[in-house]
Amino acid sequence: MYKKLFSIIEVILLISVSSTVSILYTQNRFNEQYDKIDAKYNSTYGVFAIIRPDENGKWYILDDKNHSPIGIVSVAQFTDRIEVYYEHDYQDIYWSAVTPDDSLNLMDIDVGASVDRDKTKIFLAKSGKLINPSEVNMPVANIWIYINGKS
């Protein structure tokens, strides 16, 4: 009986060790590939921020003890869009992601973006029709912004 129990423990330990080695190997391979991409494109960067409306529908960059923007310094609001500005112009933009959170999805609000070297323009739509960003006055709603490229 003890021999059988010992064998089960050995099997569990073997699975745990092999899983850990596999994860570490995969992470190392990912880092190697990322380093090759970074070297190829010279200097990649990531710009990140969360924007949110206050109770009056005025959008701002979330910056508190749990959330800090990276490379995004200001936000401007217009009747047809929101613009977020980077700390400096960038040479190339490789990809971007601008996504609404679950609060906006529950309100049937989608977002779309136009990315430029110095800013991102964000458009909001409800049920397929563009809306004024000030119409969203839900202080827990967030738009997540991430941009990757070359400085």
Foldseek 3Di string as FASTA:
>chain_A
DVVVVVVVVVVVVVVVVVVVVVVVVVVVVVVVVVVVVCVVQVHKDKWKWKWFAAQQLDIWTDPDPVGHTDQWDTWDFDQFWIKIFGPDFFDDWDDKDKFKDPVCVVQQKGWDWDDHRTIIIIWIDHPRHTGGSSVDHDRVIIIIIMIMDGD
